[in-house]
Amino acid sequence: MAYSQRRVVVTGLGALTPIGLTPEAFWDAMMRGESGAAPITYFDTEPFETKFACELKGFDPLDYLDRKMVRRTDVFSQYALIAAQQAVRDAGLDLERITDEQRNRIGVIFGTGIGGMKVFHEQTVVYEEQGPRRLSPFFIPMLIPDIAPGLISMEYGFRGPNYCVISACATGNNNLGDAYMLIQQGHADAMLAGGAEASITELCLGGFSAMKALSTRNDDPTRASRPFDRTRDGFVMGEGAGALFLEELEHARARGARIYAEMIGIGMSADAHHLTAPHPEGLGARLAMQRVLDDAGLNPEDVDYLNMHGTSTPLGDVAETKAIKQVFGEHAYRMSLSSTKSMTGHLLGAAGAVEAIAALLAVVHDTVPPTINFEHPDPECDLNYTFNEPVRRPVNVAMSNAFGFGGHNTTVAFKKYEE
């Protein structure tokens, strides 16, 4: 079989989100339309304009990792390790029976948009107060973004391709896309891919606030993330991780794996426009969506559901809506759309992976997750955004968008698995 014909399927999922610490809990919370936003508990927010975010609820890393590992890793790596742990278990891998040759053909591509910001902040304080001799010997390994896939590979002995892609809020999709292409091209038989972020820190909150990117709806955090609503005023920071175990179809069949869905395409582009603002007509977003249709061999009318990037920013939601109309034409008004960031907040480097899981589970359950908190129509956002309640409908093909600062645009596509 030519490498270009190798089919890629998803056999395992892992998710740590502000509304659920497993894929099942995440899906159930979306079906209830829950918001993960609440006042920040990690530090004193008195000096900050925005005082809330979507933190993980009820999370303790020691429930999943040993004390030594927790001590020697930044939070983003802990999230990555735990989501990977869930995905590997969910995929039903028999780790006792996998041969060395098989481990050589399983890789890990796992990214983060920002990296070890908690340890960066802590060690900067140590340096300023106590000098360089008091810095931790684990400071650099805890900080660097590529340590997450390195740690995952060490945990399971996966010796295939191993690295991280960093593309701001497009990171999750880019890592999935690279994993997908490596399997297609024969460089690996299986890949653990995704994204993690733990950026609810003083520096990150202050930085995003200085950009005027965040909602300041401090009196009503759970209703602050309101994509496509006329009164939206910025995104809500989130954190967590998403992991997908991808396999070449025959590799999955040979071990009797349960198959969630088939990954059928990746589209990538650049706005080439502005540091942080999207192209006003959604040019780069349009290119990414058109390219995933071309890669997957789809017509616009084949797509049933699109999980939008939908950050709840005044410019972004309009630009993405324009791009969808350009790509899908009249079908843009018939297909189902939603932004699950209305519930999870914006997980930055983890957003693409977590939202890919949401799109994939929409295929599995034939149900479209809602966009919550809608109250005030925006005439520039006039599509079918699945407001406030989930919708049951056939979902044979689903896509998911993820766009990042720097003008990075990525779209992934999934389809019901058929023999």
Protein backbone atom coordinates (compact mmCIF):
# COMPACT_ATOMS: atom_id res chain seq x y z
CA MET A 1 0.00 0.00 0.00
CA ALA A 2 1.36 3.44 -0.90
CA TYR A 3 2.02 5.68 2.07
CA SER A 4 -0.48 8.24 0.73
CA GLN A 5 -3.19 5.58 1.14
CA ARG A 6 -2.44 4.78 4.78
CA ARG A 7 -5.56 5.56 6.78
CA VAL A 8 -5.28 7.10 10.25
CA VAL A 9 -7.75 6.35 13.03
CA VAL A 10 -8.20 7.54 16.60
CA THR A 11 -8.20 4.79 19.21
CA GLY A 12 -7.53 6.62 22.49
CA LEU A 13 -8.50 9.92 24.12
CA GLY A 14 -7.31 11.87 27.15
CA ALA A 15 -8.66 15.18 28.41
CA LEU A 16 -8.05 17.41 31.42
CA THR A 17 -10.38 20.40 31.15
CA PRO A 18 -11.93 23.05 33.42
CA ILE A 19 -15.28 21.26 33.11
CA GLY A 20 -14.12 17.66 33.41
CA LEU A 21 -10.94 15.70 34.15
CA THR A 22 -11.63 12.85 31.71
CA PRO A 23 -13.03 12.77 28.16
CA GLU A 24 -16.29 11.33 29.49
CA ALA A 25 -16.67 14.01 32.18
CA PHE A 26 -15.75 16.69 29.63
CA TRP A 27 -18.44 15.49 27.20
CA ASP A 28 -21.11 15.20 29.90
CA ALA A 29 -20.40 18.73 31.14
CA MET A 30 -20.67 20.10 27.61
CA MET A 31 -24.03 18.40 27.22
CA ARG A 32 -25.18 20.19 30.38
CA GLY A 33 -23.81 23.50 29.13
CA GLU A 34 -21.53 24.03 32.13
CA SER A 35 -19.09 26.92 32.45
CA GLY A 36 -15.64 26.38 33.94
CA ALA A 37 -15.10 30.05 34.77
CA ALA A 38 -14.71 31.20 38.37
CA PRO A 39 -12.58 33.59 40.47
CA ILE A 40 -8.89 32.68 40.30
CA THR A 41 -7.68 30.73 43.34
CA TYR A 42 -3.98 30.28 42.43
CA PHE A 43 -2.83 33.77 43.48
CA ASP A 44 -4.08 37.13 44.70
CA THR A 45 -5.81 38.91 41.82
CA GLU A 46 -6.27 42.25 43.57
CA PRO A 47 -3.77 44.10 41.27
CA PHE A 48 -5.28 42.70 38.07
CA GLU A 49 -8.09 44.04 35.90
CA THR A 50 -9.36 40.51 35.21
CA LYS A 51 -9.85 38.34 38.29
CA PHE A 52 -11.26 35.07 36.93
CA ALA A 53 -10.31 32.18 34.65
CA CYS A 54 -11.17 28.56 33.90
CA GLU A 55 -8.97 26.60 36.32
CA LEU A 56 -9.03 22.81 36.67
CA LYS A 57 -11.49 21.89 39.43
CA GLY A 58 -10.67 19.22 42.01
CA PHE A 59 -7.30 18.46 40.43
CA ASP A 60 -4.37 17.04 42.40
CA PRO A 61 -1.37 15.81 40.39
CA LEU A 62 -0.57 13.29 43.13
CA ASP A 63 -3.76 11.44 42.19
CA TYR A 64 -1.98 10.52 38.93
CA LEU A 65 1.78 10.97 39.32
CA ASP A 66 4.32 10.07 41.99
CA ARG A 67 5.68 12.78 44.27
CA LYS A 68 9.14 12.75 42.66
CA MET A 69 7.69 13.39 39.19
CA VAL A 70 5.47 16.20 40.47
CA ARG A 71 8.46 17.84 42.18
CA ARG A 72 10.54 17.78 39.00
CA THR A 73 7.96 18.95 36.44
CA ASP A 74 6.13 22.16 35.66
CA VAL A 75 2.35 22.00 35.75
CA PHE A 76 2.00 21.97 31.95
CA SER A 77 4.09 18.79 31.77
CA GLN A 78 1.99 17.21 34.51
CA TYR A 79 -1.14 17.95 32.48
CA ALA A 80 0.48 16.45 29.37
CA LEU A 81 1.58 13.30 31.20
CA ILE A 82 -1.88 12.75 32.68
CA ALA A 83 -3.77 13.30 29.42
CA ALA A 84 -1.31 10.94 27.72
CA GLN A 85 -1.83 8.39 30.47
CA GLN A 86 -5.58 8.50 29.86
CA ALA A 87 -5.19 8.18 26.08
CA VAL A 88 -2.78 5.24 26.29
CA ARG A 89 -5.09 3.39 28.67
CA ASP A 90 -8.14 4.25 26.59
CA ALA A 91 -6.42 2.89 23.49
CA GLY A 92 -6.09 -0.47 25.26
CA LEU A 93 -2.37 -0.83 24.66
CA ASP A 94 -0.91 -3.89 26.37
CA LEU A 95 2.32 -2.30 27.52
CA GLU A 96 3.64 -5.61 28.85
CA ARG A 97 3.47 -7.23 25.42
CA ILE A 98 4.60 -4.43 23.10
CA THR A 99 7.92 -5.40 21.51
CA ASP A 100 10.95 -3.14 21.14
CA GLU A 101 10.34 -3.00 17.40
CA GLN A 102 6.77 -1.84 17.97
CA ARG A 103 7.91 0.83 20.44
CA ASN A 104 10.33 2.07 17.78
CA ARG A 105 7.30 2.78 15.57
CA ILE A 106 5.24 4.72 18.15
CA GLY A 107 6.02 8.42 18.56
CA VAL A 108 4.94 11.42 20.59
CA ILE A 109 4.26 14.94 19.32
CA PHE A 110 2.93 17.08 22.15
CA GLY A 111 3.00 20.87 22.24
CA THR A 112 2.35 23.86 24.44
CA GLY A 113 1.72 27.45 23.48
CA ILE A 114 3.72 29.08 26.28
CA GLY A 115 5.43 26.36 28.35
CA GLY A 116 6.64 26.29 31.94
CA MET A 117 5.42 29.68 33.10
CA LYS A 118 4.89 28.69 36.73
CA VAL A 119 8.49 27.55 37.18
CA PHE A 120 9.71 30.54 35.16
CA HIS A 121 7.95 32.92 37.55
CA GLU A 122 9.11 31.06 40.67
CA GLN A 123 12.74 30.83 39.57
CA THR A 124 12.83 34.48 38.54
CA VAL A 125 11.82 35.38 42.09
CA VAL A 126 14.53 33.06 43.47
CA TYR A 127 17.14 34.68 41.22
CA GLU A 128 16.15 38.23 42.19
CA GLU A 129 16.01 37.48 45.92
CA GLN A 130 18.77 34.88 46.40
CA GLY A 131 20.99 34.97 43.33
CA PRO A 132 21.93 32.42 40.65
CA ARG A 133 23.43 29.84 43.02
CA ARG A 134 19.97 29.15 44.45
CA LEU A 135 18.35 28.33 41.12
CA SER A 136 16.98 24.80 40.80
CA PRO A 137 19.01 22.36 38.67
CA PHE A 138 15.64 21.35 37.22
CA PHE A 139 14.75 24.90 36.17
CA ILE A 140 15.60 24.52 32.46
CA PRO A 141 14.25 20.96 32.03
CA MET A 142 11.02 22.04 33.75
CA LEU A 143 10.74 25.15 31.59
CA ILE A 144 11.36 24.01 28.03
CA PRO A 145 8.28 23.16 25.94
CA ASP A 146 9.72 19.99 24.38
CA ILE A 147 10.14 18.31 27.76
CA ALA A 148 6.49 17.15 27.74
CA PRO A 149 6.81 14.78 24.75
CA GLY A 150 10.22 13.73 26.09
CA LEU A 151 8.70 12.74 29.44
CA ILE A 152 5.84 10.89 27.76
CA SER A 153 8.25 8.92 25.59
CA MET A 154 10.32 7.98 28.65
CA GLU A 155 7.21 6.87 30.52
CA TYR A 156 6.15 4.40 27.82
CA GLY A 157 9.36 3.69 25.92
CA PHE A 158 7.96 5.14 22.70
CA ARG A 159 11.01 5.70 20.48
CA GLY A 160 9.37 6.98 17.32
CA PRO A 161 9.35 10.65 16.20
CA ASN A 162 9.41 12.89 19.26
CA TYR A 163 9.08 16.67 19.38
CA CYS A 164 6.70 19.56 20.01
CA VAL A 165 5.18 22.08 17.65
CA ILE A 166 4.60 25.57 19.07
CA SER A 167 2.17 27.81 17.21
CA ALA A 168 0.40 29.71 20.00
CA CYS A 169 -3.29 28.77 20.08
CA ALA A 170 -2.98 26.66 16.92
CA THR A 171 -0.51 24.36 18.71
CA GLY A 172 -2.87 21.47 19.46
CA ASN A 173 -4.00 21.12 15.85
CA ASN A 174 -0.47 21.46 14.48
CA ASN A 175 0.73 18.61 16.69
CA LEU A 176 -2.19 16.43 15.59
CA GLY A 177 -1.53 17.34 11.98
CA ASP A 178 2.14 16.40 12.14
CA ALA A 179 1.31 13.10 13.83
CA TYR A 180 -1.31 12.36 11.17
CA MET A 181 1.10 13.08 8.32
CA LEU A 182 3.93 11.03 9.86
CA ILE A 183 1.66 7.99 10.05
CA GLN A 184 0.38 8.58 6.53
CA GLN A 185 3.94 8.79 5.20
CA GLY A 186 5.09 5.65 6.98
CA HIS A 187 7.43 7.23 9.55
CA ALA A 188 5.37 5.72 12.40
CA ASP A 189 2.55 3.27 12.96
CA ALA A 190 1.07 5.12 15.93
CA MET A 191 1.47 8.54 17.52
CA LEU A 192 0.42 10.08 20.81
CA ALA A 193 -0.37 13.73 20.00
CA GLY A 194 -1.91 16.75 21.66
CA GLY A 195 -1.31 19.92 23.62
CA ALA A 196 -1.08 21.13 27.22
CA GLU A 197 -1.16 24.54 28.88
CA ALA A 198 -0.84 25.80 32.45
CA SER A 199 -0.61 29.56 31.99
CA ILE A 200 -2.97 30.88 34.66
CA THR A 201 -0.09 32.67 36.36
CA GLU A 202 0.54 36.24 37.43
CA LEU A 203 2.76 37.00 34.43
CA CYS A 204 0.41 35.52 31.83
CA LEU A 205 -2.71 37.09 33.31
CA GLY A 206 -0.91 40.43 33.44
CA GLY A 207 0.40 40.08 29.91
CA PHE A 208 -2.94 39.21 28.34
CA SER A 209 -4.59 41.96 30.37
CA ALA A 210 -2.05 44.49 29.07
CA MET A 211 -3.06 43.47 25.55
CA LYS A 212 -6.73 44.12 26.39
CA ALA A 213 -7.43 40.56 25.18
CA LEU A 214 -9.35 39.31 28.24
CA SER A 215 -12.94 39.69 29.33
CA THR A 216 -13.33 41.88 32.42
CA ARG A 217 -16.80 40.60 33.37
CA ASN A 218 -15.67 40.06 36.96
CA ASP A 219 -19.19 40.32 38.35
CA ASP A 220 -20.38 37.31 36.32
CA PRO A 221 -17.48 35.00 35.35
CA THR A 222 -19.58 32.01 34.27
CA ARG A 223 -21.24 34.16 31.60
CA ALA A 224 -18.10 35.98 30.48
CA SER A 225 -17.13 33.72 27.58
CA ARG A 226 -19.92 34.45 25.10
CA PRO A 227 -18.79 33.84 21.51
CA PHE A 228 -20.89 35.54 18.81
CA ASP A 229 -22.87 37.55 21.38
CA ARG A 230 -22.91 41.27 20.62
CA THR A 231 -21.71 42.08 24.18
CA ARG A 232 -18.61 39.84 24.09
CA ASP A 233 -15.57 41.65 25.47
CA GLY A 234 -12.63 39.25 25.24
CA PHE A 235 -11.59 35.68 25.93
CA VAL A 236 -11.39 33.84 29.26
CA MET A 237 -8.12 32.08 30.11
CA GLY A 238 -8.29 28.32 30.54
CA GLU A 239 -5.87 25.47 31.21
CA GLY A 240 -5.58 21.73 30.75
CA ALA A 241 -4.56 19.18 28.14
CA GLY A 242 -5.90 17.01 25.36
CA ALA A 243 -4.31 13.85 23.95
CA LEU A 244 -5.28 11.63 21.03
CA PHE A 245 -3.76 8.24 20.23
CA LEU A 246 -3.59 7.95 16.44
CA GLU A 247 -2.86 4.71 14.59
CA GLU A 248 -2.49 3.47 11.08
CA LEU A 249 -5.68 1.54 10.38
CA GLU A 250 -4.13 -1.91 9.86
CA HIS A 251 -2.01 -1.45 13.00
CA ALA A 252 -5.19 -0.75 15.00
CA ARG A 253 -7.08 -3.66 13.40
CA ALA A 254 -4.25 -6.10 14.08
CA ARG A 255 -4.49 -5.56 17.81
CA GLY A 256 -8.31 -5.41 17.87
CA ALA A 257 -8.46 -1.76 18.93
CA ARG A 258 -11.72 0.11 19.41
CA ILE A 259 -11.87 2.88 16.79
CA TYR A 260 -13.53 6.20 17.64
CA ALA A 261 -13.32 7.80 14.22
CA GLU A 262 -10.99 8.34 11.28
CA MET A 263 -8.82 11.43 10.95
CA ILE A 264 -9.09 12.46 7.32
CA GLY A 265 -7.34 15.79 6.86
CA ILE A 266 -5.27 18.75 8.02
CA GLY A 267 -5.25 22.29 6.66
CA MET A 268 -2.66 24.96 7.55
CA SER A 269 -2.04 28.56 6.57
CA ALA A 270 -0.78 31.97 7.69
CA ASP A 271 -2.61 35.30 7.78
CA ALA A 272 0.61 37.20 7.03
CA HIS A 273 -1.21 40.18 8.50
CA HIS A 274 -0.72 41.15 12.18
CA LEU A 275 0.93 40.03 15.43
CA THR A 276 -2.31 39.32 17.25
CA ALA A 277 -5.35 40.44 15.20
CA PRO A 278 -6.90 38.08 12.65
CA HIS A 279 -7.13 39.07 9.02
CA PRO A 280 -10.35 41.13 8.94
CA GLU A 281 -11.80 39.05 6.09
CA GLY A 282 -10.58 35.77 7.56
CA LEU A 283 -8.17 35.12 4.68
CA GLY A 284 -5.88 32.70 6.52
CA ALA A 285 -8.78 30.90 8.19
CA ARG A 286 -10.41 30.46 4.77
CA LEU A 287 -7.22 28.96 3.35
CA ALA A 288 -6.88 26.48 6.24
CA MET A 289 -10.49 25.29 5.93
CA GLN A 290 -10.28 25.00 2.14
CA ARG A 291 -7.05 23.05 2.43
CA VAL A 292 -8.50 20.53 4.88
CA LEU A 293 -11.42 19.97 2.51
CA ASP A 294 -8.95 19.39 -0.33
CA ASP A 295 -6.75 17.12 1.80
CA ALA A 296 -9.72 15.03 2.91
CA GLY A 297 -11.37 14.96 -0.52
CA LEU A 298 -14.51 16.59 0.86
CA ASN A 299 -17.07 18.88 -0.68
CA PRO A 300 -18.30 21.74 1.54
CA GLU A 301 -21.73 20.12 1.89
CA ASP A 302 -20.14 16.95 3.32
CA VAL A 303 -19.31 18.73 6.59
CA ASP A 304 -21.98 18.39 9.29
CA TYR A 305 -20.30 20.17 12.21
CA LEU A 306 -17.50 22.67 12.71
CA ASN A 307 -16.07 23.42 16.16
CA MET A 308 -15.06 27.05 15.66
CA HIS A 309 -12.06 28.78 17.18
CA GLY A 310 -14.67 31.21 18.56
CA THR A 311 -12.73 32.95 21.33
CA SER A 312 -15.40 35.53 22.25
CA THR A 313 -13.33 38.45 20.98
CA PRO A 314 -15.00 41.23 18.96
CA LEU A 315 -12.71 40.84 15.92
CA GLY A 316 -12.04 37.12 15.92
CA ASP A 317 -15.59 35.81 15.88
CA VAL A 318 -16.54 38.04 12.95
CA ALA A 319 -13.44 37.18 10.90
CA GLU A 320 -13.97 33.44 11.38
CA THR A 321 -17.65 33.76 10.45
CA LYS A 322 -16.71 35.57 7.24
CA ALA A 323 -14.18 32.86 6.39
CA ILE A 324 -16.76 30.10 6.89
CA LYS A 325 -19.19 31.84 4.53
CA GLN A 326 -16.47 32.12 1.89
CA VAL A 327 -15.57 28.43 2.10
CA PHE A 328 -18.99 26.85 2.55
CA GLY A 329 -21.29 29.23 0.68
CA GLU A 330 -24.97 28.51 1.30
CA HIS A 331 -24.05 25.37 3.26
CA ALA A 332 -22.59 27.67 5.93
CA TYR A 333 -26.18 28.36 7.00
CA ARG A 334 -27.17 24.66 7.02
CA MET A 335 -24.23 23.09 8.85
CA SER A 336 -23.95 23.11 12.64
CA LEU A 337 -21.35 25.29 14.36
CA SER A 338 -20.39 25.97 17.95
CA SER A 339 -17.63 27.27 20.19
CA THR A 340 -16.90 25.06 23.17
CA LYS A 341 -14.68 27.85 24.52
CA SER A 342 -17.91 29.31 25.87
CA MET A 343 -17.66 26.51 28.46
CA THR A 344 -13.94 25.72 28.83
CA GLY A 345 -12.47 29.14 28.24
CA HIS A 346 -9.44 29.40 25.94
CA LEU A 347 -6.90 26.66 26.67
CA LEU A 348 -4.31 28.33 24.40
CA GLY A 349 -1.80 25.64 23.37
CA ALA A 350 -4.16 22.89 24.54
CA ALA A 351 -7.24 24.34 22.83
CA GLY A 352 -6.78 22.60 19.48
CA ALA A 353 -6.41 19.13 20.99
CA VAL A 354 -9.28 19.51 23.47
CA GLU A 355 -11.59 20.92 20.79
CA ALA A 356 -10.57 18.19 18.35
CA ILE A 357 -11.79 15.74 20.99
CA ALA A 358 -15.07 17.67 21.22
CA ALA A 359 -15.48 17.51 17.43
CA LEU A 360 -14.58 13.81 17.33
CA LEU A 361 -17.07 12.99 20.11
CA ALA A 362 -19.75 14.88 18.18
CA VAL A 363 -19.16 12.32 15.42
CA VAL A 364 -19.30 9.44 17.91
CA HIS A 365 -22.50 10.64 19.62
CA ASP A 366 -24.24 12.37 16.67
CA THR A 367 -24.65 15.41 18.90
CA VAL A 368 -23.40 19.00 18.54
CA PRO A 369 -22.11 20.67 21.74
CA PRO A 370 -23.60 24.09 22.45
CA THR A 371 -22.30 27.64 22.51
CA ILE A 372 -23.54 28.85 25.89
CA ASN A 373 -24.15 32.38 27.23
CA PHE A 374 -25.82 33.75 24.11
CA GLU A 375 -28.23 36.63 24.77
CA HIS A 376 -27.72 39.47 22.28
CA PRO A 377 -27.67 38.85 18.50
CA ASP A 378 -24.78 40.29 16.50
CA PRO A 379 -25.80 41.03 12.89
CA GLU A 380 -22.28 40.14 11.73
CA CYS A 381 -22.54 36.69 13.33
CA ASP A 382 -25.59 35.16 11.69
CA LEU A 383 -24.83 31.44 11.33
CA ASN A 384 -26.17 28.38 13.16
CA TYR A 385 -23.97 28.47 16.28
CA THR A 386 -26.00 25.94 18.35
CA PHE A 387 -26.82 28.44 21.06
CA ASN A 388 -27.29 27.37 24.69
CA GLU A 389 -28.43 23.75 24.16
CA PRO A 390 -26.82 20.73 22.46
CA VAL A 391 -28.49 19.48 19.27
CA ARG A 392 -28.95 15.87 18.24
CA ARG A 393 -28.29 15.35 14.53
CA PRO A 394 -26.29 13.04 12.27
CA VAL A 395 -22.62 14.01 12.32
CA ASN A 396 -20.70 12.03 9.75
CA VAL A 397 -17.92 14.59 9.26
CA ALA A 398 -16.70 17.16 11.79
CA MET A 399 -13.98 19.78 11.55
CA SER A 400 -12.24 21.86 14.20
CA ASN A 401 -10.47 25.22 13.82
CA ALA A 402 -7.55 26.54 15.89
CA PHE A 403 -5.87 29.88 15.18
CA GLY A 404 -2.94 31.51 16.95
CA PHE A 405 -1.13 34.79 17.54
CA GLY A 406 1.33 35.28 14.70
CA GLY A 407 -1.38 34.50 12.17
CA HIS A 408 -1.19 30.69 12.41
CA ASN A 409 -4.31 28.85 11.17
CA THR A 410 -5.05 25.13 11.39
CA THR A 411 -8.09 22.95 10.75
CA VAL A 412 -8.47 19.20 11.32
CA ALA A 413 -11.20 16.87 10.06
CA PHE A 414 -12.68 13.60 11.37
CA LYS A 415 -15.16 11.15 9.86
CA LYS A 416 -17.17 8.21 11.11
CA TYR A 417 -15.09 5.09 10.69
CA GLU A 418 -16.21 2.79 7.89
CA GLU A 419 -14.67 -0.53 6.90
